PDB file of N, CA and C in Angstrom:
ATOM      1  N   MET A   1      18.025  11.171   5.729  1.00  0.00           N
ATOM      2  CA  MET A   1      17.779   9.953   4.977  1.00  0.00           C
ATOM      3  C   MET A   1      16.930  10.340   3.762  1.00  0.00           C
ATOM      4  N   ASP A   2      17.405  10.017   2.585  1.00  0.00           N
ATOM      5  CA  ASP A   2      16.636  10.351   1.400  1.00  0.00           C
ATOM      6  C   ASP A   2      16.150   9.082   0.698  1.00  0.00           C
ATOM      7  N   GLU A   3      15.211   9.283  -0.188  1.00  0.00           N
ATOM      8  CA  GLU A   3      14.555   8.157  -0.858  1.00  0.00           C
ATOM      9  C   GLU A   3      15.531   7.342  -1.705  1.00  0.00           C
ATOM     10  N   GLU A   4      16.476   7.998  -2.342  1.00  0.00           N
ATOM     11  CA  GLU A   4      17.440   7.285  -3.182  1.00  0.00           C
ATOM     12  C   GLU A   4      18.299   6.332  -2.347  1.00  0.00           C
ATOM     13  N   THR A   5      18.696   6.750  -1.164  1.00  0.00           N
ATOM     14  CA  THR A   5      19.484   5.888  -0.285  1.00  0.00           C
ATOM     15  C   THR A   5      18.672   4.672   0.144  1.00  0.00           C
ATOM     16  N   ILE A   6      17.423   4.904   0.492  1.00  0.00           N
ATOM     17  CA  ILE A   6      16.543   3.786   0.873  1.00  0.00           C
ATOM     18  C   ILE A   6      16.392   2.827  -0.300  1.00  0.00           C
ATOM     19  N   ARG A   7      16.197   3.365  -1.483  1.00  0.00           N
ATOM     20  CA  ARG A   7      16.026   2.536  -2.682  1.00  0.00           C
ATOM     21  C   ARG A   7      17.252   1.655  -2.912  1.00  0.00           C
ATOM     22  N   LYS A   8      18.445   2.205  -2.754  1.00  0.00           N
ATOM     23  CA  LYS A   8      19.673   1.438  -2.978  1.00  0.00           C
ATOM     24  C   LYS A   8      19.815   0.317  -1.949  1.00  0.00           C
ATOM     25  N   ILE A   9      19.502   0.613  -0.706  1.00  0.00           N
ATOM     26  CA  ILE A   9      19.595  -0.413   0.336  1.00  0.00           C
ATOM     27  C   ILE A   9      18.547  -1.491   0.108  1.00  0.00           C
ATOM     28  N   ALA A  10      17.327  -1.094  -0.251  1.00  0.00           N
ATOM     29  CA  ALA A  10      16.262  -2.067  -0.527  1.00  0.00           C
ATOM     30  C   ALA A  10      16.654  -2.970  -1.696  1.00  0.00           C
ATOM     31  N   TYR A  11      17.287  -2.385  -2.702  1.00  0.00           N
ATOM     32  CA  TYR A  11      17.743  -3.178  -3.853  1.00  0.00           C
ATOM     33  C   TYR A  11      18.808  -4.183  -3.422  1.00  0.00           C
ATOM     34  N   ARG A  12      19.732  -3.738  -2.582  1.00  0.00           N
ATOM     35  CA  ARG A  12      20.773  -4.635  -2.074  1.00  0.00           C
ATOM     36  C   ARG A  12      20.139  -5.789  -1.291  1.00  0.00           C
ATOM     37  N   LEU A  13      19.171  -5.473  -0.441  1.00  0.00           N
ATOM     38  CA  LEU A  13      18.486  -6.516   0.328  1.00  0.00           C
ATOM     39  C   LEU A  13      17.779  -7.504  -0.592  1.00  0.00           C
ATOM     40  N   TRP A  14      17.143  -6.982  -1.617  1.00  0.00           N
ATOM     41  CA  TRP A  14      16.436  -7.822  -2.594  1.00  0.00           C
ATOM     42  C   TRP A  14      17.402  -8.793  -3.260  1.00  0.00           C
ATOM     43  N   GLU A  15      18.575  -8.290  -3.660  1.00  0.00           N
ATOM     44  CA  GLU A  15      19.571  -9.161  -4.297  1.00  0.00           C
ATOM     45  C   GLU A  15      20.104 -10.201  -3.318  1.00  0.00           C
ATOM     46  N   GLU A  16      20.378  -9.773  -2.083  1.00  0.00           N
ATOM     47  CA  GLU A  16      20.899 -10.700  -1.077  1.00  0.00           C
ATOM     48  C   GLU A  16      19.925 -11.822  -0.761  1.00  0.00           C
ATOM     49  N   GLN A  17      18.630 -11.553  -0.898  1.00  0.00           N
ATOM     50  CA  GLN A  17      17.617 -12.562  -0.585  1.00  0.00           C
ATOM     51  C   GLN A  17      17.213 -13.388  -1.804  1.00  0.00           C
ATOM     52  N   GLY A  18      17.981 -13.269  -2.883  1.00  0.00           N
ATOM     53  CA  GLY A  18      17.728 -14.099  -4.058  1.00  0.00           C
ATOM     54  C   GLY A  18      16.719 -13.519  -5.032  1.00  0.00           C
ATOM     55  N   ARG A  19      16.484 -12.232  -4.974  1.00  0.00           N
ATOM     56  CA  ARG A  19      15.580 -11.513  -5.877  1.00  0.00           C
ATOM     57  C   ARG A  19      14.157 -12.080  -5.882  1.00  0.00           C
ATOM     58  N   PRO A  20      13.562 -12.238  -4.711  1.00  0.00           N
ATOM     59  CA  PRO A  20      12.186 -12.766  -4.666  1.00  0.00           C
ATOM     60  C   PRO A  20      11.185 -11.758  -5.223  1.00  0.00           C
ATOM     61  N   HIS A  21      10.155 -12.255  -5.831  1.00  0.00           N
ATOM     62  CA  HIS A  21       9.120 -11.405  -6.426  1.00  0.00           C
ATOM     63  C   HIS A  21       8.089 -11.009  -5.378  1.00  0.00           C
ATOM     64  N   GLY A  22       7.697  -9.734  -5.376  1.00  0.00           N
ATOM     65  CA  GLY A  22       6.595  -9.287  -4.538  1.00  0.00           C
ATOM     66  C   GLY A  22       6.952  -8.867  -3.125  1.00  0.00           C
ATOM     67  N   ASN A  23       8.237  -8.701  -2.822  1.00  0.00           N
ATOM     68  CA  ASN A  23       8.625  -8.315  -1.461  1.00  0.00           C
ATOM     69  C   ASN A  23       9.169  -6.900  -1.413  1.00  0.00           C
ATOM     70  N   ASP A  24       8.849  -6.065  -2.388  1.00  0.00           N
ATOM     71  CA  ASP A  24       9.425  -4.723  -2.449  1.00  0.00           C
ATOM     72  C   ASP A  24       9.065  -3.882  -1.229  1.00  0.00           C
ATOM     73  N   PHE A  25       7.843  -3.998  -0.747  1.00  0.00           N
ATOM     74  CA  PHE A  25       7.424  -3.222   0.409  1.00  0.00           C
ATOM     75  C   PHE A  25       8.208  -3.627   1.664  1.00  0.00           C
ATOM     76  N   GLU A  26       8.389  -4.931   1.852  1.00  0.00           N
ATOM     77  CA  GLU A  26       9.144  -5.410   3.007  1.00  0.00           C
ATOM     78  C   GLU A  26      10.599  -4.973   2.929  1.00  0.00           C
ATOM     79  N   HIS A  27      11.191  -5.021   1.721  1.00  0.00           N
ATOM     80  CA  HIS A  27      12.575  -4.579   1.561  1.00  0.00           C
ATOM     81  C   HIS A  27      12.704  -3.086   1.848  1.00  0.00           C
ATOM     82  N   TRP A  28      11.711  -2.320   1.424  1.00  0.00           N
ATOM     83  CA  TRP A  28      11.731  -0.876   1.675  1.00  0.00           C
ATOM     84  C   TRP A  28      11.707  -0.596   3.185  1.00  0.00           C
ATOM     85  N   LEU A  29      10.816  -1.280   3.885  1.00  0.00           N
ATOM     86  CA  LEU A  29      10.725  -1.091   5.335  1.00  0.00           C
ATOM     87  C   LEU A  29      12.001  -1.538   6.045  1.00  0.00           C
ATOM     88  N   GLN A  30      12.575  -2.626   5.599  1.00  0.00           N
ATOM     89  CA  GLN A  30      13.811  -3.121   6.201  1.00  0.00           C
ATOM     90  C   GLN A  30      14.957  -2.144   5.946  1.00  0.00           C
ATOM     91  N   ALA A  31      15.001  -1.555   4.754  1.00  0.00           N
ATOM     92  CA  ALA A  31      16.039  -0.569   4.427  1.00  0.00           C
ATOM     93  C   ALA A  31      15.893   0.664   5.314  1.00  0.00           C
ATOM     94  N   ARG A  32      14.665   1.119   5.509  1.00  0.00           N
ATOM     95  CA  ARG A  32      14.431   2.271   6.396  1.00  0.00           C
ATOM     96  C   ARG A  32      14.849   1.956   7.825  1.00  0.00           C
ATOM     97  N   ALA A  33      14.557   0.741   8.270  1.00  0.00           N
ATOM     98  CA  ALA A  33      14.928   0.356   9.623  1.00  0.00           C
ATOM     99  C   ALA A  33      16.449   0.338   9.785  1.00  0.00           C
ATOM    100  N   GLU A  34      17.161  -0.145   8.760  1.00  0.00           N
ATOM    101  CA  GLU A  34      18.621  -0.140   8.818  1.00  0.00           C
ATOM    102  C   GLU A  34      19.152   1.283   8.906  1.00  0.00           C
ATOM    103  N   LEU A  35      18.598   2.181   8.117  1.00  0.00           N
ATOM    104  CA  LEU A  35      19.049   3.567   8.141  1.00  0.00           C
ATOM    105  C   LEU A  35      18.670   4.255   9.451  1.00  0.00           C
ATOM    106  N   ASP A  36      17.497   3.933   9.969  1.00  0.00           N
ATOM    107  CA  ASP A  36      17.076   4.521  11.244  1.00  0.00           C
ATOM    108  C   ASP A  36      18.041   4.159  12.364  1.00  0.00           C
ATOM    109  N   ALA A  37      18.611   2.971  12.304  1.00  0.00           N
ATOM    110  CA  ALA A  37      19.552   2.538  13.321  1.00  0.00           C
ATOM    111  C   ALA A  37      20.806   3.416  13.314  1.00  0.00           C
ATOM    112  N   PHE A  38      21.168   3.953  12.130  1.00  0.00           N
ATOM    113  CA  PHE A  38      22.357   4.779  12.012  1.00  0.00           C
ATOM    114  C   PHE A  38      22.055   6.270  12.115  1.00  0.00           C
ATOM    115  N   ASP A  39      20.892   6.718  11.594  1.00  0.00           N
ATOM    116  CA  ASP A  39      20.595   8.144  11.479  1.00  0.00           C
ATOM    117  C   ASP A  39      19.576   8.667  12.473  1.00  0.00           C
ATOM    118  N   SER A  40      19.063   7.854  13.335  1.00  0.00           N
ATOM    119  CA  SER A  40      17.950   8.275  14.180  1.00  0.00           C
ATOM    120  C   SER A  40      18.355   9.397  15.121  1.00  0.00           C
ATOM    121  N   ASP A  41      17.627  10.503  15.033  1.00  0.00           N
ATOM    122  CA  ASP A  41      17.837  11.587  15.983  1.00  0.00           C
ATOM    123  C   ASP A  41      16.769  11.565  17.069  1.00  0.00           C
ATOM    124  N   GLY A  42      15.779  10.673  16.904  1.00  0.00           N
ATOM    125  CA  GLY A  42      14.752  10.511  17.913  1.00  0.00           C
ATOM    126  C   GLY A  42      13.696  11.595  17.943  1.00  0.00           C
ATOM    127  N   LEU A  43      13.730  12.489  16.978  1.00  0.00           N
ATOM    128  CA  LEU A  43      12.766  13.586  16.961  1.00  0.00           C
ATOM    129  C   LEU A  43      11.602  13.274  16.040  1.00  0.00           C
ATOM    130  N   PRO A  44      10.379  13.473  16.516  1.00  0.00           N
ATOM    131  CA  PRO A  44       9.237  13.259  15.623  1.00  0.00           C
ATOM    132  C   PRO A  44       9.233  14.305  14.516  1.00  0.00           C
ATOM    133  N   GLY A  45       8.831  13.891  13.325  1.00  0.00           N
ATOM    134  CA  GLY A  45       8.772  14.824  12.209  1.00  0.00           C
ATOM    135  C   GLY A  45      10.114  15.031  11.542  1.00  0.00           C
ATOM    136  N   SER A  46      11.084  14.179  11.833  1.00  0.00           N
ATOM    137  CA  SER A  46      12.386  14.319  11.201  1.00  0.00           C
ATOM    138  C   SER A  46      12.290  13.886   9.745  1.00  0.00           C
ATOM    139  N   VAL A  47      13.351  14.125   9.008  1.00  0.00           N
ATOM    140  CA  VAL A  47      13.374  13.745   7.596  1.00  0.00           C
ATOM    141  C   VAL A  47      13.164  12.248   7.450  1.00  0.00           C
ATOM    142  N   ALA A  48      13.698  11.473   8.364  1.00  0.00           N
ATOM    143  CA  ALA A  48      13.564  10.018   8.299  1.00  0.00           C
ATOM    144  C   ALA A  48      12.114   9.591   8.332  1.00  0.00           C
ATOM    145  N   SER A  49      11.290  10.285   9.100  1.00  0.00           N
ATOM    146  CA  SER A  49       9.894   9.873   9.206  1.00  0.00           C
ATOM    147  C   SER A  49       9.045  10.404   8.060  1.00  0.00           C
ATOM    148  N   SER A  50       9.602  11.304   7.249  1.00  0.00           N
ATOM    149  CA  SER A  50       8.809  11.883   6.169  1.00  0.00           C
ATOM    150  C   SER A  50       8.956  11.135   4.854  1.00  0.00           C
ATOM    151  N   VAL A  51       9.860  10.168   4.774  1.00  0.00           N
ATOM    152  CA  VAL A  51      10.048   9.410   3.541  1.00  0.00           C
ATOM    153  C   VAL A  51       9.136   8.200   3.596  1.00  0.00           C
ATOM    154  N   ALA A  52       8.128   8.207   2.746  1.00  0.00           N
ATOM    155  CA  ALA A  52       7.123   7.144   2.762  1.00  0.00           C
ATOM    156  C   ALA A  52       7.555   5.976   1.888  1.00  0.00           C
ATOM    157  N   PRO A  53       7.210   4.751   2.281  1.00  0.00           N
ATOM    158  CA  PRO A  53       7.494   3.593   1.436  1.00  0.00           C
ATOM    159  C   PRO A  53       6.575   3.599   0.232  1.00  0.00           C
ATOM    160  N   PRO A  54       6.949   2.881  -0.814  1.00  0.00           N
ATOM    161  CA  PRO A  54       6.072   2.827  -1.982  1.00  0.00           C
ATOM    162  C   PRO A  54       4.760   2.135  -1.627  1.00  0.00           C
ATOM    163  N   ALA A  55       3.703   2.552  -2.261  1.00  0.00           N
ATOM    164  CA  ALA A  55       2.399   1.943  -2.025  1.00  0.00           C
ATOM    165  C   ALA A  55       2.393   0.530  -2.586  1.00  0.00           C
ATOM    166  N   PRO A  56       1.793  -0.417  -1.869  1.00  0.00           N
ATOM    167  CA  PRO A  56       1.705  -1.776  -2.390  1.00  0.00           C
ATOM    168  C   PRO A  56       0.894  -1.802  -3.680  1.00  0.00           C
ATOM    169  N   ARG A  57       1.284  -2.669  -4.564  1.00  0.00           N
ATOM    170  CA  ARG A  57       0.565  -2.791  -5.838  1.00  0.00           C
ATOM    171  C   ARG A  57      -0.773  -3.470  -5.622  1.00  0.00           C
ATOM    172  N   LYS A  58      -1.792  -2.937  -6.293  1.00  0.00           N
ATOM    173  CA  LYS A  58      -3.120  -3.528  -6.189  1.00  0.00           C
ATOM    174  C   LYS A  58      -3.291  -4.563  -7.286  1.00  0.00           C
ATOM    175  N   LYS A  59      -3.903  -5.657  -6.926  1.00  0.00           N
ATOM    176  CA  LYS A  59      -4.190  -6.697  -7.905  1.00  0.00           C
ATOM    177  C   LYS A  59      -5.470  -6.332  -8.625  1.00  0.00           C
ATOM    178  N   ALA A  60      -5.499  -6.614  -9.902  1.00  0.00           N
ATOM    179  CA  ALA A  60      -6.676  -6.289 -10.703  1.00  0.00           C
ATOM    180  C   ALA A  60      -7.840  -7.179 -10.294  1.00  0.00           C
ATOM    181  N   LYS A  61      -8.959  -6.555 -10.079  1.00  0.00           N
ATOM    182  CA  LYS A  61     -10.167  -7.301  -9.725  1.00  0.00           C
ATOM    183  C   LYS A  61     -11.127  -7.234 -10.898  1.00  0.00           C
ATOM    184  N   THR A  62     -11.809  -8.314 -11.107  1.00  0.00           N
ATOM    185  CA  THR A  62     -12.823  -8.340 -12.148  1.00  0.00           C
ATOM    186  C   THR A  62     -14.173  -8.415 -11.454  1.00  0.00           C
ATOM    187  N   ALA A  63     -14.628  -7.273 -11.029  1.00  0.00           N
ATOM    188  CA  ALA A  63     -15.903  -7.211 -10.312  1.00  0.00           C
ATOM    189  C   ALA A  63     -17.039  -7.014 -11.308  1.00  0.00           C
ATOM    190  N   THR A  64     -18.118  -7.701 -11.059  1.00  0.00           N
ATOM    191  CA  THR A  64     -19.299  -7.523 -11.890  1.00  0.00           C
ATOM    192  C   THR A  64     -20.361  -6.839 -11.057  1.00  0.00           C
ATOM    193  N   ALA A  65     -21.012  -5.905 -11.655  1.00  0.00           N
ATOM    194  CA  ALA A  65     -22.051  -5.160 -10.945  1.00  0.00           C
ATOM    195  C   ALA A  65     -23.305  -6.016 -10.834  1.00  0.00           C
ATOM    196  N   ALA A  66     -23.946  -5.931  -9.716  1.00  0.00           N
ATOM    197  CA  ALA A  66     -25.193  -6.665  -9.508  1.00  0.00           C
ATOM    198  C   ALA A  66     -26.292  -6.008 -10.337  1.00  0.00           C
ATOM    199  N   PRO A  67     -27.149  -6.789 -10.933  1.00  0.00           N
ATOM    200  CA  PRO A  67     -28.216  -6.194 -11.747  1.00  0.00           C
ATOM    201  C   PRO A  67     -29.168  -5.372 -10.882  1.00  0.00           C
ATOM    202  N   ALA A  68     -29.576  -4.268 -11.430  1.00  0.00           N
ATOM    203  CA  ALA A  68     -30.508  -3.395 -10.703  1.00  0.00           C
ATOM    204  C   ALA A  68     -31.895  -4.034 -10.695  1.00  0.00           C
ATOM    205  N   THR A  69     -32.577  -3.941  -9.598  1.00  0.00           N
ATOM    206  CA  THR A  69     -33.926  -4.492  -9.507  1.00  0.00           C
ATOM    207  C   THR A  69     -34.896  -3.345  -9.278  1.00  0.00           C
ATOM    208  N   ARG A  70     -36.027  -3.456  -9.875  1.00  0.00           N
ATOM    209  CA  ARG A  70     -37.066  -2.446  -9.716  1.00  0.00           C
ATOM    210  C   ARG A  70     -38.184  -3.032  -8.876  1.00  0.00           C
ATOM    211  N   THR A  71     -38.729  -2.210  -8.055  1.00  0.00           N
ATOM    212  CA  THR A  71     -39.877  -2.648  -7.277  1.00  0.00           C
ATOM    213  C   THR A  71     -41.059  -1.784  -7.700  1.00  0.00           C
ATOM    214  N   ARG A  72     -42.175  -2.422  -7.846  1.00  0.00           N
ATOM    215  CA  ARG A  72     -43.374  -1.725  -8.278  1.00  0.00           C
ATOM    216  C   ARG A  72     -44.326  -1.622  -7.092  1.00  0.00           C
ATOM    217  N   LYS A  73     -44.802  -0.447  -6.889  1.00  0.00           N
ATOM    218  CA  LYS A  73     -45.711  -0.238  -5.778  1.00  0.00           C
ATOM    219  C   LYS A  73     -47.086  -0.806  -6.162  1.00  0.00           C
ATOM    220  N   LYS A  74     -47.636  -1.592  -5.268  1.00  0.00           N
ATOM    221  CA  LYS A  74     -48.950  -2.186  -5.529  1.00  0.00           C
ATOM    222  C   LYS A  74     -50.018  -1.130  -5.229  1.00  0.00           C
ATOM    223  N   THR A  75     -50.947  -1.045  -6.120  1.00  0.00           N
ATOM    224  CA  THR A  75     -52.049  -0.108  -5.903  1.00  0.00           C
ATOM    225  C   THR A  75     -53.342  -0.907  -5.811  1.00  0.00           C
ATOM    226  N   THR A  76     -54.213  -0.430  -4.990  1.00  0.00           N
ATOM    227  CA  THR A  76     -55.522  -1.051  -4.859  1.00  0.00           C
ATOM    228  C   THR A  76     -56.570  -0.007  -5.134  1.00  0.00           C
ATOM    229  N   SER A  77     -57.570  -0.405  -5.826  1.00  0.00           N
ATOM    230  CA  SER A  77     -58.660   0.535  -6.078  1.00  0.00           C
ATOM    231  C   SER A  77     -59.860   0.089  -5.270  1.00  0.00           C
ATOM    232  N   ALA A  78     -60.433   1.032  -4.585  1.00  0.00           N
ATOM    233  CA  ALA A  78     -61.574   0.710  -3.763  1.00  0.00           C
ATOM    234  C   ALA A  78     -62.838   1.001  -4.586  1.00  0.00           C
ATOM    235  N   ALA A  79     -63.678   0.014  -4.698  1.00  0.00           N
ATOM    236  CA  ALA A  79     -64.925   0.179  -5.448  1.00  0.00           C
ATOM    237  C   ALA A  79     -66.020   0.623  -4.495  1.00  0.00           C
ATOM    238  N   LYS A  80     -66.721   1.654  -4.887  1.00  0.00           N
ATOM    239  CA  LYS A  80     -67.800   2.145  -4.029  1.00  0.00           C
ATOM    240  C   LYS A  80     -69.118   1.858  -4.639  1.00  0.00           C
TER     241      LYS A  80
END
């Protein structure tokens, strides 16, 4: 099972489901599952298990850093 075959099946699934936005990871997993049903040799470490799905896209975060605070050590002077 190669990545190009998975990509083609995932694309077909995407079209069949009406081209929904944001389901690429699910389509990729479903395509792999379809191929596993046909190509599974049942051996760990096979080519089928080495093809990783695409990483999910990260949403941009607008994080603000917390202001740094300083602490001052109190000193006491002893008068003699």
